[in-house]
């Protein structure tokens, strides 16, 4: 019988799960969460009278602000944190 490394996650079949699975799941979750709100934010910006260029600029500013907030919170609390809009 071989032993798994101490930090390896056991799967239901008794093997180990590679780290790529949770990382991939996290990336997919972040992308789905981000892109699902993308259209709503753009529609809202257009509804208040923003031109396509203004809407794109507002969305870029919002994305940049969210990115800075995530980096700051993650560094402050020393744990992975995400923000939702």
Protein backbone atom coordinates (compact mmCIF):
# COMPACT_ATOMS: atom_id res chain seq x y z
CA UNK A 1 0.00 0.00 0.00
CA UNK A 2 1.37 3.40 -0.93
CA UNK A 3 0.67 6.48 1.10
CA UNK A 4 -0.42 9.81 -0.30
CA UNK A 5 1.65 12.90 0.45
CA UNK A 6 0.39 14.67 3.59
CA UNK A 7 -1.00 17.65 1.65
CA UNK A 8 -2.75 15.67 -1.10
CA UNK A 9 -6.55 15.62 -1.12
CA UNK A 10 -8.09 12.16 -1.24
CA UNK A 11 -10.70 11.44 -3.89
CA UNK A 12 -13.65 9.06 -3.41
CA UNK A 13 -11.69 6.40 -5.31
CA UNK A 14 -8.81 6.65 -2.87
CA UNK A 15 -6.41 8.48 -5.20
CA UNK A 16 -5.20 12.03 -4.99
CA UNK A 17 -6.70 15.08 -6.65
CA UNK A 18 -4.33 17.31 -8.60
CA UNK A 19 -4.26 20.97 -7.61
CA UNK A 20 -5.40 21.93 -11.11
CA UNK A 21 -8.97 20.84 -10.40
CA UNK A 22 -9.78 23.37 -7.64
CA UNK A 23 -7.80 26.07 -9.46
CA UNK A 24 -9.74 25.44 -12.66
CA UNK A 25 -13.03 25.43 -10.73
CA UNK A 26 -12.11 28.77 -9.14
CA UNK A 27 -11.23 30.34 -12.49
CA UNK A 28 -14.45 29.11 -14.11
CA UNK A 29 -16.52 30.38 -11.17
CA UNK A 30 -14.86 33.80 -11.30
CA UNK A 31 -15.36 34.11 -15.06
CA UNK A 32 -19.02 33.08 -14.92
CA UNK A 33 -19.69 35.47 -12.04
CA UNK A 34 -17.93 38.33 -13.80
CA UNK A 35 -19.41 37.84 -17.27
CA UNK A 36 -22.96 37.35 -15.97
CA UNK A 37 -22.88 40.85 -14.46
CA UNK A 38 -21.07 42.38 -17.42
CA UNK A 39 -24.18 42.70 -19.62
CA UNK A 40 -26.29 44.00 -16.74
CA UNK A 41 -23.79 46.76 -15.92
CA UNK A 42 -23.43 47.75 -19.58
CA UNK A 43 -27.22 47.86 -19.99
CA UNK A 44 -27.53 50.00 -16.86
CA UNK A 45 -24.89 52.43 -18.08
CA UNK A 46 -26.60 52.71 -21.45
CA UNK A 47 -30.00 53.18 -19.74
CA UNK A 48 -28.75 56.30 -17.93
CA UNK A 49 -27.73 57.80 -21.26
CA UNK A 50 -24.08 56.82 -21.59
CA UNK A 51 -22.69 56.59 -25.11
CA UNK A 52 -20.95 53.33 -26.08
CA UNK A 53 -17.56 54.96 -25.39
CA UNK A 54 -18.72 56.28 -21.99
CA UNK A 55 -20.21 52.90 -21.08
CA UNK A 56 -16.96 51.14 -22.00
CA UNK A 57 -14.97 53.68 -19.99
CA UNK A 58 -17.26 53.28 -16.97
CA UNK A 59 -17.04 49.51 -17.16
CA UNK A 60 -13.25 49.67 -17.41
CA UNK A 61 -13.11 51.95 -14.35
CA UNK A 62 -15.40 49.61 -12.44
CA UNK A 63 -13.29 46.56 -13.34
CA UNK A 64 -10.07 48.34 -12.34
CA UNK A 65 -11.56 49.48 -9.04
CA UNK A 66 -12.81 45.98 -8.30
CA UNK A 67 -9.38 44.50 -9.12
CA UNK A 68 -7.61 46.95 -6.81
CA UNK A 69 -10.14 46.21 -4.06
CA UNK A 70 -9.61 42.47 -4.38
CA UNK A 71 -5.84 42.84 -4.26
CA UNK A 72 -5.99 45.16 -1.26
CA UNK A 73 -8.40 42.95 0.72
CA UNK A 74 -6.44 39.79 -0.10
CA UNK A 75 -3.22 41.41 1.05
CA UNK A 76 -4.80 42.91 4.19
CA UNK A 77 -6.46 39.67 5.34
CA UNK A 78 -3.81 37.37 3.86
CA UNK A 79 -6.41 35.07 2.33
CA UNK A 80 -7.97 34.82 -1.12
CA UNK A 81 -10.94 37.20 -1.25
CA UNK A 82 -13.17 38.23 -4.12
CA UNK A 83 -15.64 41.05 -4.53
CA UNK A 84 -19.03 40.94 -6.20
CA UNK A 85 -20.77 43.84 -7.85
